[in-house]
Amino acid sequence: MENSKPYRDFGDFLREVFPYKVQKISINAGFTCPNRDGTKGFGGCTYCNNQTFSPEYCHTEKSVTEQLEEGVRFFSRKYPEMKYLAYFQAYTNTYDELNSLIAKYEEALAYPDVVGLIVGTRPDCMPEALLDYFSALSQKKFVMIEYGLESTLDRTLTRINRGHTQAESEEAIRRTAARNIYTGAHLILGLPGESREEILHHADNLSTLPVTTLKLHQLQLIRGTRMAREQAEHPEQFHLYTVDEYIDLVIDFIERLNPSIVVERFVSQSPKELLIAPDWGLKNFEFTAKVNKRISERNARQGRLLNPPSSEPVLPGM
């Protein structure tokens, strides 16, 4: 690794890219998903309730501009010199007609002090024409495409109703990185039916791919989801981690992870009123502090147990 930190940190990555402070502002642009509207299936992923990751200022009935305005107002009070990344977060943000998609991205980029886009999507929803647009845009602005992979096991992807395969995940990541676009990935650790070793093997798989950033999320059971009903009916098929168990799991995970992949986060935090379990009572920064303390105790380091050796992920220039 290039620095003395035990893992590649997202804040450091942003400081490498930008000469000023930047803040993501989440946007709900009113999209759906192909496994919700019948194209691939109905009902969405079994764990999914999108209220869990949409901030209060981010509502579908508001325009992209209105959502950015509210987000900027919130953050600029403390940091008047802050610049912003428009984060298209909820549902599948590349799943619409090309002209409609580009209009929403351009609306965001036209807002004062917005210096780039982060677009969350699925591996099976990245047409070549849209990659052409992002590739051209990335020559002028910061562009990151975040792919929700959730698992690298096809049997798990089928079980949670993702509607895509691991092969599609790998293809989308390679196609995107080949265009010199920053490429992110999401994984959920602890999905039902996956052993501890299978979870850690996700790190081996990702380490062979040109991934720029990685978000790790613990499995959370959310009210009103099919997965919550499954767990109530078959609790023996689920392992809900304690804080200490999960901390050791993520440290074992990053020790097997290519050291050039930026670790953006270890956990997600669902609204209290929607969360069934596990309820750790920790904010994200408190959990990260515990991880860092445990890393120090274990003398752990990202990539220490990297297997197999792999080429470094593509990190595009601006």
Foldseek 3Di string as FASTA:
>chain_A
DPDPDQAFAPVVVVVVADVFAEDEQEEAQPDAECCPPVVLHHDAFQQDDQLQPADPLYDNVDALQSSVVVVCVVPCVVPVPYAYEYEHDGHALLPDPPVVSVVRLVVNVPDPRHFYYEGEHALVRDDPVNLVVQLVVVVRGAYEYEHEPQAQDQVLCVVRVVSDHNVSVQVSQQVNVVSLHAYEYEYEPFRFPADLVRSLCRQLVCQQGQHAEYEYAYRFHWPPGNVVVVCVVPVVRGDADALVRLLVSVLSNQLQHNRNHHYHFHYGDGDPVTTDDDCRVDDRVRSVVVSSVVCVVVVGHGPNNHPPDHDHRRNGHD
